[in-house]
N, C-alpha and C. Protein backbone atom coordinates (compact mmCIF):
# COMPACT_ATOMS: atom_id res chain seq x y z
N UNK A 1 121.33 237.04 162.89
CA UNK A 1 121.60 237.12 161.53
C UNK A 1 122.81 236.62 161.25
N UNK A 2 123.76 237.26 162.00
CA UNK A 2 125.46 237.54 161.76
C UNK A 2 125.79 235.70 161.48
N UNK A 3 125.00 234.98 162.15
CA UNK A 3 125.55 234.23 162.56
C UNK A 3 125.54 232.99 161.30
N UNK A 4 123.80 233.38 160.77
CA UNK A 4 124.28 232.76 159.23
C UNK A 4 124.98 232.64 158.10
N UNK A 5 124.97 234.12 158.26
CA UNK A 5 125.77 234.75 157.13
C UNK A 5 126.84 234.67 156.78
N UNK A 6 128.02 234.30 158.31
CA UNK A 6 129.08 233.55 158.40
C UNK A 6 129.32 232.50 157.77
N UNK A 7 128.15 231.54 157.42
CA UNK A 7 128.73 229.99 157.46
C UNK A 7 128.60 229.63 156.49
N UNK A 8 129.12 228.27 155.79
CA UNK A 8 128.95 227.80 154.31
C UNK A 8 127.82 227.66 154.11
N UNK A 9 127.50 227.98 152.56
CA UNK A 9 126.09 227.27 152.18
C UNK A 9 126.03 226.01 151.76
N UNK A 10 125.04 225.21 151.27
CA UNK A 10 123.66 226.01 151.06
C UNK A 10 123.04 225.90 152.39
N UNK A 11 121.69 226.64 152.29
CA UNK A 11 121.08 226.99 153.85
C UNK A 11 119.61 226.35 154.04
N UNK A 12 119.53 225.82 155.27
CA UNK A 12 118.61 225.02 155.43
C UNK A 12 117.99 225.52 156.48
N UNK A 13 116.32 226.19 156.42
CA UNK A 13 115.94 227.39 157.72
C UNK A 13 115.06 226.09 157.87
N UNK A 14 115.05 225.79 159.09
CA UNK A 14 114.08 225.09 159.73
C UNK A 14 112.76 225.94 160.57
N UNK A 15 112.08 225.84 160.30
CA UNK A 15 110.26 226.44 161.04
C UNK A 15 109.71 225.58 161.98
N UNK A 16 109.71 226.09 163.28
CA UNK A 16 108.91 225.03 164.11
C UNK A 16 107.63 225.57 164.33
N UNK A 17 106.91 224.83 165.19
CA UNK A 17 105.64 224.93 165.15
C UNK A 17 105.10 226.09 166.38
N UNK A 18 103.43 226.38 166.52
CA UNK A 18 103.49 227.43 167.43
C UNK A 18 103.83 226.83 169.00
N UNK A 19 103.87 227.91 169.79
CA UNK A 19 104.86 227.57 171.22
C UNK A 19 105.71 226.30 171.14
N UNK A 20 106.32 225.93 170.13
CA UNK A 20 107.30 225.15 169.94
C UNK A 20 108.40 225.66 170.05
N UNK A 21 109.80 225.24 169.51
CA UNK A 21 110.74 226.01 169.54
C UNK A 21 111.94 225.37 168.91
N UNK A 22 113.56 225.74 168.90
CA UNK A 22 114.41 225.05 168.09
C UNK A 22 115.01 223.68 168.54
N UNK A 23 114.28 223.38 169.84
CA UNK A 23 114.42 222.23 170.86
C UNK A 23 113.97 221.36 170.40
N UNK A 24 112.65 221.13 169.42
CA UNK A 24 111.70 220.51 169.15
C UNK A 24 112.61 218.94 168.71
N UNK A 25 111.21 218.12 168.91
CA UNK A 25 112.43 216.72 168.77
C UNK A 25 113.02 216.74 166.95
N UNK A 26 111.96 217.04 165.81
CA UNK A 26 112.44 216.89 164.69
C UNK A 26 112.91 217.81 164.13
N UNK A 27 113.44 219.16 164.86
CA UNK A 27 114.24 220.01 164.32
C UNK A 27 115.71 219.24 165.28
N UNK A 28 115.63 219.12 166.26
CA UNK A 28 117.06 218.40 167.03
C UNK A 28 117.90 217.31 166.34
N UNK A 29 116.55 216.45 165.58
CA UNK A 29 117.03 215.06 165.25
C UNK A 29 117.25 215.67 163.69
N UNK A 30 117.11 216.60 162.56
CA UNK A 30 117.71 217.15 161.26
C UNK A 30 119.07 217.66 161.80
N UNK A 31 119.14 218.44 162.54
CA UNK A 31 120.50 218.91 163.06
C UNK A 31 121.22 218.09 162.96
N UNK A 32 121.01 216.77 163.46
CA UNK A 32 122.34 215.74 164.31
C UNK A 32 122.53 215.51 163.04
N UNK A 33 121.41 214.93 162.06
CA UNK A 33 121.67 214.38 161.06
C UNK A 33 122.55 215.17 160.02
N UNK A 34 122.08 216.01 159.72
CA UNK A 34 123.26 217.15 158.33
C UNK A 34 124.58 217.06 159.00
N UNK A 35 124.19 217.76 160.45
CA UNK A 35 125.99 217.45 160.97
C UNK A 35 126.62 216.52 160.30
N UNK A 36 126.32 215.35 160.61
CA UNK A 36 126.97 213.89 160.30
C UNK A 36 126.90 213.52 158.98
N UNK A 37 125.69 214.05 158.54
CA UNK A 37 125.87 213.25 156.85
C UNK A 37 126.24 214.45 155.54
N UNK A 38 125.63 215.47 155.99
CA UNK A 38 125.91 217.07 154.87
C UNK A 38 126.42 218.11 156.11
N UNK A 39 127.93 218.14 156.03
CA UNK A 39 128.27 219.13 157.08
C UNK A 39 128.00 220.48 155.98
N UNK A 40 128.00 220.54 154.79
CA UNK A 40 128.41 221.32 154.51
C UNK A 40 127.08 222.46 154.09
N UNK A 41 125.94 221.57 154.39
CA UNK A 41 124.80 222.34 154.73
C UNK A 41 124.44 223.47 156.22
N UNK A 42 124.64 224.40 155.80
CA UNK A 42 124.04 225.25 157.16
C UNK A 42 123.07 224.97 157.21
N UNK A 43 122.45 224.77 158.71
CA UNK A 43 121.18 224.67 158.96
C UNK A 43 120.66 225.22 160.17
N UNK A 44 119.85 226.09 160.32
CA UNK A 44 119.15 227.48 161.06
C UNK A 44 117.78 227.48 161.32
N UNK A 45 117.98 227.32 162.51
CA UNK A 45 116.48 227.50 163.35
C UNK A 45 116.50 228.01 164.35
N UNK A 46 115.74 229.28 163.25
CA UNK A 46 115.51 230.50 164.24
C UNK A 46 114.28 230.56 165.11
N UNK A 47 114.21 231.29 166.98
CA UNK A 47 112.93 230.86 167.57
C UNK A 47 111.96 231.78 167.02
N UNK A 48 110.98 231.11 166.67
CA UNK A 48 109.76 231.96 166.11
C UNK A 48 109.00 232.55 167.20
N UNK A 49 108.50 233.86 167.26
CA UNK A 49 107.56 234.12 168.14
C UNK A 49 106.18 233.88 167.55
N UNK A 50 105.01 233.27 169.03
CA UNK A 50 103.56 233.35 168.29
C UNK A 50 103.25 234.29 167.56
N UNK A 51 103.34 235.16 168.20
CA UNK A 51 103.00 237.22 167.44
C UNK A 51 103.40 236.84 165.78
N UNK A 52 102.42 236.56 164.94
CA UNK A 52 102.87 235.87 163.55
C UNK A 52 103.68 237.59 162.89
N UNK A 53 103.38 238.86 163.53
CA UNK A 53 103.77 239.80 162.77
C UNK A 53 105.09 240.31 163.47
N UNK A 54 105.87 239.47 164.52
CA UNK A 54 107.28 239.68 165.04
C UNK A 54 107.65 238.68 164.02
N UNK A 55 107.12 237.50 163.95
CA UNK A 55 107.70 235.79 163.10
C UNK A 55 108.16 236.58 162.08
N UNK A 56 107.19 237.37 160.98
CA UNK A 56 107.46 236.96 159.57
C UNK A 56 108.64 238.29 159.34
N UNK A 57 108.27 239.09 160.22
CA UNK A 57 109.20 240.48 160.24
C UNK A 57 110.88 239.73 160.39
N UNK A 58 111.24 239.01 161.57
CA UNK A 58 112.37 238.19 161.64
C UNK A 58 112.49 237.38 160.76
N UNK A 59 112.13 236.73 160.05
CA UNK A 59 112.35 235.58 159.19
C UNK A 59 112.50 236.74 157.51
N UNK A 60 111.61 237.46 157.58
CA UNK A 60 112.31 238.51 156.20
C UNK A 60 113.61 239.34 156.64
N UNK A 61 113.69 239.92 157.07
CA UNK A 61 115.44 240.00 157.50
C UNK A 61 115.97 238.95 157.41
N UNK A 62 115.95 237.87 157.98
CA UNK A 62 116.95 237.01 157.92
C UNK A 62 116.86 236.65 156.36
N UNK A 63 115.92 236.14 155.51
CA UNK A 63 116.04 235.92 154.30
C UNK A 63 116.48 236.93 153.07
N UNK A 64 116.01 238.17 153.34
CA UNK A 64 116.49 239.44 152.80
C UNK A 64 118.03 239.22 152.73
N UNK A 65 118.97 239.01 153.04
CA UNK A 65 120.28 238.83 153.62
C UNK A 65 121.21 237.79 152.92
N UNK A 66 119.98 236.44 152.28
CA UNK A 66 120.83 235.53 151.68
C UNK A 66 119.84 234.79 150.64
N UNK A 67 119.00 235.25 150.01
CA UNK A 67 118.37 234.90 149.56
C UNK A 67 118.74 235.47 147.98
N UNK A 68 119.14 234.56 146.75
CA UNK A 68 119.79 235.48 145.78
C UNK A 68 121.25 234.94 145.40
N UNK A 69 121.93 234.82 146.52
CA UNK A 69 123.18 234.38 146.93
C UNK A 69 123.37 233.31 147.58
N UNK A 70 122.54 232.50 147.62
CA UNK A 70 122.98 231.27 148.65
C UNK A 70 121.94 231.01 147.68
N UNK A 71 122.07 228.99 148.02
CA UNK A 71 121.07 228.19 147.83
C UNK A 71 119.70 228.54 149.48
N UNK A 72 118.75 228.08 149.11
CA UNK A 72 118.23 228.14 150.42
C UNK A 72 116.98 227.50 150.35
N UNK A 73 116.34 226.50 151.35
CA UNK A 73 115.42 225.51 151.23
C UNK A 73 114.67 225.97 152.54
N UNK A 74 113.47 225.57 152.77
CA UNK A 74 112.52 225.69 154.04
C UNK A 74 112.62 224.22 154.22
N UNK A 75 112.18 224.49 155.86
CA UNK A 75 111.23 223.15 156.19
C UNK A 75 110.89 223.67 157.12
N UNK A 76 109.02 223.48 157.09
CA UNK A 76 108.07 223.79 158.31
C UNK A 76 107.62 222.51 158.94
N UNK A 77 106.90 223.11 160.14
CA UNK A 77 106.27 221.94 160.83
C UNK A 77 104.98 222.95 161.46
N UNK A 78 104.05 222.18 160.71
CA UNK A 78 102.72 222.66 161.34
C UNK A 78 102.79 224.09 161.65
N UNK A 79 102.48 225.17 162.00
CA UNK A 79 102.88 226.81 161.99
C UNK A 79 103.88 227.09 161.10
N UNK A 80 104.76 226.34 161.67
CA UNK A 80 106.03 226.71 160.74
C UNK A 80 105.66 226.54 158.92
N UNK A 81 105.02 225.42 158.78
CA UNK A 81 104.99 224.82 157.49
C UNK A 81 103.66 226.18 156.89
N UNK A 82 102.83 226.46 157.61
CA UNK A 82 102.46 227.91 157.28
C UNK A 82 103.35 229.03 156.85
N UNK A 83 104.26 229.31 158.01
CA UNK A 83 105.08 230.56 157.60
C UNK A 83 106.25 230.24 156.50
N UNK A 84 106.78 228.74 156.51
CA UNK A 84 107.01 228.26 155.33
C UNK A 84 106.33 228.76 153.87
N UNK A 85 105.60 228.79 153.94
CA UNK A 85 104.33 228.30 153.04
C UNK A 85 104.44 229.91 152.34
N UNK A 86 104.29 231.43 153.39
CA UNK A 86 104.47 232.31 153.17
C UNK A 86 105.64 232.72 152.47
N UNK A 87 107.09 232.49 153.03
CA UNK A 87 107.97 232.93 152.64
C UNK A 87 108.30 232.22 151.13
N UNK A 88 107.95 230.69 151.36
CA UNK A 88 108.19 230.14 149.69
C UNK A 88 107.57 231.12 148.51
N UNK A 89 106.42 231.66 149.03
CA UNK A 89 105.44 232.54 147.76
C UNK A 89 106.61 233.77 147.69
N UNK A 90 106.99 234.18 148.98
CA UNK A 90 107.22 235.80 148.72
C UNK A 90 108.63 235.93 147.78
N UNK A 91 109.19 234.56 148.57
CA UNK A 91 110.50 234.46 147.67
C UNK A 91 110.94 233.19 146.48
N UNK A 92 109.89 232.62 146.36
CA UNK A 92 110.05 231.84 145.48
C UNK A 92 110.70 230.67 145.73
N UNK A 93 110.98 230.01 147.02
CA UNK A 93 111.85 228.69 147.48
C UNK A 93 111.10 227.55 147.72
N UNK A 94 111.62 226.92 147.40
CA UNK A 94 111.08 225.37 147.82
C UNK A 94 111.28 225.43 149.51
N UNK A 95 109.84 224.20 149.36
CA UNK A 95 109.51 223.90 151.33
C UNK A 95 109.09 222.88 151.40
N UNK A 96 109.22 222.16 152.16
CA UNK A 96 108.82 221.04 153.25
C UNK A 96 108.23 220.58 154.13
N UNK A 97 106.74 221.15 153.64
CA UNK A 97 105.87 221.34 155.04
C UNK A 97 105.27 219.94 155.75
N UNK A 98 105.55 220.20 156.99
CA UNK A 98 105.41 218.96 157.73
C UNK A 98 104.03 218.91 158.32
N UNK A 99 102.58 218.09 158.43
CA UNK A 99 101.80 218.62 158.84
C UNK A 99 101.42 219.56 159.05
N UNK A 100 100.94 220.57 157.84
CA UNK A 100 101.00 222.19 157.91
C UNK A 100 100.01 222.66 158.56
N UNK A 101 99.99 224.03 159.08
CA UNK A 101 98.63 224.80 159.60
C UNK A 101 98.41 225.37 158.13
N UNK A 102 96.65 225.29 157.33
CA UNK A 102 96.47 225.88 156.51
C UNK A 102 95.86 227.14 156.53
N UNK A 103 94.95 227.12 158.12
CA UNK A 103 94.01 228.05 157.49
C UNK A 103 94.42 228.44 159.73
N UNK A 104 95.39 229.08 160.09
CA UNK A 104 95.98 229.35 161.21
C UNK A 104 94.67 230.46 162.15
N UNK A 105 94.00 231.35 161.27
CA UNK A 105 93.69 232.30 162.19
C UNK A 105 92.36 231.42 162.49
N UNK A 106 92.59 230.76 161.80
CA UNK A 106 90.73 229.91 162.04
C UNK A 106 90.41 229.42 164.09
N UNK A 107 91.78 228.80 163.91
CA UNK A 107 91.91 228.71 165.53
C UNK A 107 92.53 229.49 166.46
N UNK A 108 93.59 230.88 165.91
CA UNK A 108 94.06 231.51 166.97
C UNK A 108 93.25 232.23 168.14
N UNK A 109 91.97 232.74 167.58
CA UNK A 109 90.88 233.43 168.56
C UNK A 109 90.88 232.70 169.61
N UNK A 110 91.12 231.32 169.95
CA UNK A 110 90.66 230.60 170.96
C UNK A 110 91.79 230.72 172.12
N UNK A 111 93.00 231.40 171.93
CA UNK A 111 94.07 231.74 172.42
C UNK A 111 94.05 233.17 172.95
N UNK A 112 93.11 233.80 172.49
CA UNK A 112 93.10 234.91 173.01
C UNK A 112 93.29 235.00 174.77
N UNK A 113 94.00 236.07 175.13
CA UNK A 113 93.29 235.96 176.98
C UNK A 113 94.12 235.31 177.89
N UNK A 114 94.26 234.22 176.53
CA UNK A 114 95.44 233.48 177.61
C UNK A 114 96.93 233.61 177.81
N UNK A 115 97.60 233.18 178.91
CA UNK A 115 98.85 233.36 179.02
C UNK A 115 99.69 232.31 178.50
N UNK A 116 99.62 232.08 177.42
CA UNK A 116 100.92 231.26 176.60
C UNK A 116 102.09 231.05 176.73
N UNK A 117 102.39 229.63 177.13
CA UNK A 117 103.99 229.17 177.74
C UNK A 117 104.30 228.47 176.34
N UNK A 118 105.90 228.40 176.04
CA UNK A 118 106.29 226.98 175.09
C UNK A 118 106.21 225.91 175.92
N UNK A 119 105.90 225.05 174.58
CA UNK A 119 105.86 223.59 175.03
C UNK A 119 107.28 223.25 175.64
N UNK A 120 108.03 223.73 175.16
CA UNK A 120 109.27 222.90 175.30
C UNK A 120 109.86 223.31 176.82
N UNK A 121 109.04 224.42 177.34
CA UNK A 121 109.29 224.57 179.11
C UNK A 121 110.08 225.69 179.54
N UNK A 122 110.26 226.74 178.28
CA UNK A 122 111.09 227.83 178.45
C UNK A 122 111.00 229.06 179.16
N UNK A 123 111.65 229.58 179.95
CA UNK A 123 110.87 230.74 180.78
C UNK A 123 109.73 232.11 180.06
N UNK A 124 109.30 231.23 179.61
CA UNK A 124 108.76 232.89 178.49
C UNK A 124 107.15 232.85 178.62
N UNK A 125 106.45 233.75 178.47
CA UNK A 125 105.01 233.86 178.38
C UNK A 125 104.80 235.09 177.51
N UNK A 126 103.24 234.72 176.90
CA UNK A 126 103.37 235.48 175.44
C UNK A 126 101.70 235.46 175.48
N UNK A 127 101.28 236.53 175.62
CA UNK A 127 99.54 236.82 175.11
C UNK A 127 98.92 237.21 174.08
N UNK A 128 98.34 236.45 173.17
CA UNK A 128 97.86 237.11 171.82
C UNK A 128 96.82 238.45 171.85
N UNK A 129 96.83 238.92 171.19
CA UNK A 129 95.87 240.30 170.90
C UNK A 129 95.11 240.02 169.48
N UNK A 130 93.96 240.44 169.67
CA UNK A 130 92.82 240.71 168.29
C UNK A 130 93.78 241.04 167.25
N UNK A 131 94.83 241.94 167.32
CA UNK A 131 96.00 242.59 166.17
C UNK A 131 96.83 241.58 165.67
N UNK A 132 97.03 240.31 166.64
CA UNK A 132 97.49 239.45 165.74
C UNK A 132 96.78 238.07 164.95
N UNK A 133 95.32 238.41 165.62
CA UNK A 133 94.21 237.52 164.28
C UNK A 133 94.34 238.16 163.27
N UNK A 134 94.25 239.42 163.47
CA UNK A 134 94.16 239.88 162.01
C UNK A 134 95.17 240.19 160.84
N UNK A 135 96.53 240.12 161.52
CA UNK A 135 97.66 239.78 161.04
C UNK A 135 98.12 238.37 160.03
N UNK A 136 97.42 237.46 160.73
CA UNK A 136 97.32 236.09 160.84
C UNK A 136 96.17 235.95 158.91
N UNK A 137 95.20 237.01 159.34
CA UNK A 137 94.10 236.82 158.47
C UNK A 137 94.78 237.35 157.18
N UNK A 138 95.64 238.51 157.29
CA UNK A 138 96.33 239.00 156.39
C UNK A 138 97.36 238.24 155.84
N UNK A 139 97.72 237.13 156.46
CA UNK A 139 99.28 236.77 155.89
C UNK A 139 98.56 235.60 154.83
N UNK A 140 97.30 235.11 155.86
CA UNK A 140 96.44 233.90 154.71
C UNK A 140 95.83 234.13 153.29
N UNK A 141 95.42 236.04 153.36
CA UNK A 141 94.97 235.93 152.42
C UNK A 141 96.03 236.47 150.78
N UNK A 142 97.36 236.26 151.44
CA UNK A 142 98.64 236.59 150.45
C UNK A 142 98.97 235.08 149.43
N UNK A 143 97.96 234.20 150.34
CA UNK A 143 97.87 232.66 149.59
C UNK A 143 96.97 232.30 149.20
N UNK A 144 96.24 233.46 148.61
CA UNK A 144 94.64 232.73 147.90
C UNK A 144 94.83 232.67 146.66
N UNK A 145 95.75 232.62 145.98
CA UNK A 145 95.80 233.03 144.75
C UNK A 145 96.63 230.85 144.51
N UNK A 146 97.08 230.96 143.17
CA UNK A 146 97.62 229.60 143.02
C UNK A 146 99.17 229.85 143.41
N UNK A 147 99.77 228.86 144.14
CA UNK A 147 101.32 228.69 144.37
C UNK A 147 102.09 228.98 143.43
N UNK A 148 103.01 229.80 143.77
CA UNK A 148 104.39 230.07 142.99
C UNK A 148 105.46 229.44 143.39
N UNK A 149 105.45 228.74 144.66
CA UNK A 149 106.40 228.15 144.90
C UNK A 149 106.68 226.54 145.12
N UNK A 150 107.72 225.96 145.18
CA UNK A 150 107.50 224.78 144.95
C UNK A 150 107.54 223.75 146.20
N UNK A 151 107.01 222.91 146.59
CA UNK A 151 106.19 222.13 147.63
C UNK A 151 106.40 220.56 148.02
N UNK A 152 106.57 220.42 149.31
CA UNK A 152 106.54 218.96 149.07
C UNK A 152 105.58 218.59 150.71
N UNK A 153 104.22 218.28 150.20
CA UNK A 153 103.92 218.31 151.55
C UNK A 153 103.96 216.67 152.13
N UNK A 154 104.37 216.78 153.30
CA UNK A 154 104.29 215.42 153.84
C UNK A 154 103.40 215.88 155.33
N UNK A 155 102.51 214.85 155.49
CA UNK A 155 101.64 214.29 156.03
C UNK A 155 100.87 213.38 157.08
N UNK A 156 100.07 212.52 158.35
CA UNK A 156 100.21 211.66 158.10
C UNK A 156 98.46 211.57 158.60
N UNK A 157 97.75 211.02 158.08
CA UNK A 157 96.08 211.42 158.91
C UNK A 157 96.00 211.26 160.22
N UNK A 158 96.32 210.50 160.71
CA UNK A 158 96.59 210.67 162.21
C UNK A 158 96.55 211.59 163.33
N UNK A 159 96.87 212.56 162.07
CA UNK A 159 97.42 214.02 162.79
C UNK A 159 96.13 214.51 163.96
N UNK A 160 96.32 214.64 165.18
CA UNK A 160 95.12 214.86 166.18
C UNK A 160 94.87 216.18 166.52
N UNK A 161 95.84 216.88 165.56
CA UNK A 161 95.67 218.65 165.92
C UNK A 161 95.19 219.02 164.49
N UNK A 162 95.52 218.82 163.62
CA UNK A 162 95.11 219.47 161.96
C UNK A 162 94.74 218.24 161.37
N UNK A 163 93.47 218.83 160.56
CA UNK A 163 93.37 218.06 159.73
C UNK A 163 94.02 217.45 158.36
N UNK A 164 94.34 216.45 158.36
CA UNK A 164 94.99 216.34 156.71
C UNK A 164 94.47 217.13 156.01
N UNK A 165 93.18 216.45 155.47
CA UNK A 165 92.58 216.67 154.26
C UNK A 165 92.58 218.28 153.53
N UNK A 166 92.76 219.18 154.89
CA UNK A 166 92.42 220.16 154.37
C UNK A 166 94.14 220.73 153.64
N UNK A 167 95.78 220.07 154.32
CA UNK A 167 96.44 220.24 153.64
C UNK A 167 96.44 219.82 152.31
N UNK A 168 96.13 218.55 152.11
CA UNK A 168 95.97 218.03 150.43
C UNK A 168 95.38 218.83 149.88
N UNK A 169 94.07 219.53 150.35
CA UNK A 169 93.82 220.47 148.89
C UNK A 169 94.22 221.46 148.56
N UNK A 170 94.85 221.67 149.76
CA UNK A 170 95.71 223.36 149.69
C UNK A 170 97.12 223.28 148.60
N UNK A 171 97.62 222.08 148.76
CA UNK A 171 98.62 221.30 148.10
C UNK A 171 98.38 220.98 146.89
N UNK A 172 97.37 221.09 146.80
CA UNK A 172 96.72 219.43 145.74
C UNK A 172 97.94 219.77 144.04
N UNK A 173 97.93 220.81 143.84
CA UNK A 173 99.32 220.80 142.21
C UNK A 173 100.65 220.36 143.22
N UNK A 174 101.04 220.25 144.13
CA UNK A 174 102.41 220.11 144.36
C UNK A 174 102.56 218.78 144.85
N UNK A 175 103.57 218.21 145.13
CA UNK A 175 104.25 217.09 145.74
C UNK A 175 103.37 216.77 147.17
N UNK A 176 103.27 215.19 147.10
CA UNK A 176 102.38 215.06 148.46
C UNK A 176 102.67 213.62 148.51
N UNK A 177 103.30 213.91 150.07
CA UNK A 177 103.42 212.15 150.75
C UNK A 177 102.30 212.23 151.73
N UNK A 178 101.10 211.39 151.93
CA UNK A 178 100.51 211.02 152.42
C UNK A 178 100.75 210.09 153.30
N UNK A 179 100.87 210.03 154.30
CA UNK A 179 100.75 208.08 155.21
C UNK A 179 99.46 208.06 156.22
N UNK A 180 98.91 207.08 156.00
CA UNK A 180 98.17 206.67 157.52
C UNK A 180 98.66 206.44 158.72
N UNK A 181 97.64 206.36 159.51
CA UNK A 181 98.34 206.76 160.88
C UNK A 181 99.27 207.71 161.69
N UNK A 182 100.12 207.46 161.88
CA UNK A 182 100.97 208.52 162.77
C UNK A 182 100.09 209.75 163.41
N UNK A 183 100.77 210.94 163.76
CA UNK A 183 99.99 211.79 164.69
C UNK A 183 100.75 213.51 163.91
N UNK A 184 100.39 214.09 164.88
CA UNK A 184 100.92 215.75 164.57
C UNK A 184 102.42 215.76 164.63
N UNK A 185 102.70 215.02 165.58
CA UNK A 185 104.61 214.59 165.61
C UNK A 185 105.31 214.58 164.30
N UNK A 186 104.35 213.73 163.68
CA UNK A 186 104.70 213.17 162.05
C UNK A 186 105.88 212.29 162.84
N UNK A 187 105.45 211.06 162.70
CA UNK A 187 106.34 209.73 162.97
C UNK A 187 107.31 209.39 162.30
N UNK A 188 108.01 209.38 162.48
CA UNK A 188 109.33 208.29 161.36
C UNK A 188 109.61 209.72 160.50
N UNK A 189 109.76 211.05 160.91
CA UNK A 189 110.55 211.87 160.11
C UNK A 189 111.93 211.74 159.66
N UNK A 190 112.42 211.22 160.47
CA UNK A 190 114.14 210.38 160.01
C UNK A 190 113.89 209.88 158.83
N UNK A 191 112.60 209.26 158.68
CA UNK A 191 113.01 207.89 157.04
C UNK A 191 112.99 209.27 156.09
N UNK A 192 112.46 210.35 155.86
CA UNK A 192 112.66 211.65 154.93
C UNK A 192 113.90 212.47 154.84
N UNK A 193 115.20 212.47 155.95
CA UNK A 193 116.10 213.48 156.01
C UNK A 193 116.59 213.73 154.77
N UNK A 194 117.34 212.17 153.61
CA UNK A 194 117.91 212.59 152.41
C UNK A 194 116.76 213.17 151.70
N UNK A 195 116.20 212.15 151.75
CA UNK A 195 115.15 212.56 150.16
C UNK A 195 114.42 214.38 150.35
N UNK A 196 114.54 214.93 151.94
CA UNK A 196 114.34 216.39 151.61
C UNK A 196 115.42 217.36 151.06
N UNK A 197 116.57 216.81 151.24
CA UNK A 197 117.74 217.23 151.25
C UNK A 197 117.91 217.41 149.27
N UNK A 198 117.15 216.24 148.93
CA UNK A 198 117.58 215.97 147.35
C UNK A 198 116.87 216.61 147.10
N UNK A 199 115.32 216.95 147.27
CA UNK A 199 114.37 218.08 147.23
C UNK A 199 114.67 219.31 147.21
N UNK A 200 115.19 220.08 148.07
CA UNK A 200 114.87 221.45 148.50
C UNK A 200 116.28 221.68 147.40
N UNK A 201 117.64 220.92 147.37
CA UNK A 201 118.97 221.41 146.76
C UNK A 201 119.27 220.91 145.55
N UNK A 202 118.45 219.76 145.21
CA UNK A 202 119.50 219.07 144.18
C UNK A 202 118.54 219.20 142.53
N UNK A 203 117.75 220.46 143.16
CA UNK A 203 116.81 220.89 141.18
C UNK A 203 116.35 222.47 141.36
N UNK A 204 117.25 222.77 142.21
CA UNK A 204 117.85 224.65 142.53
C UNK A 204 118.85 224.86 141.05
């Protein structure tokens, strides 16, 4: 967190997906583009534990130190989109959610008892427990009412992992860009880099 606090603002916090990492392609794309085009924007991409309680605690500690003092915007992909929504509601922050998970507690039981390793090939192992599933259900419950944050849904109907229609329904009162084709990684994400910065920071 000290690294984040010592940098210039505004701050864009990028949240990667389940078993992904800050080394993911979209994350690195955005990091490189911001460094070239908007070096005044601090880009921060924390490594998120697949254990939801640990992940949300670390993100809350991070944001508690900067929200209210500096402009903060969130970008979340897949499970990161869900976490961005939880945080967007808690802090009333703007967030761009990319092919987001809407009901992650539904698929988490399938991973119970398995040895999980990051898709990025890092030397880490995880095992989810029933407590993780219960925590995720609690987080979902906090999103049961009308959304208070400001969201932009970026989704592609060709997503082979998550049903785009669930995200469309969940973010129905929010700005949406739904594309035909594509996949779960969201093909052509770089086309929206500038629009994302405008959405997150030019309306605060």
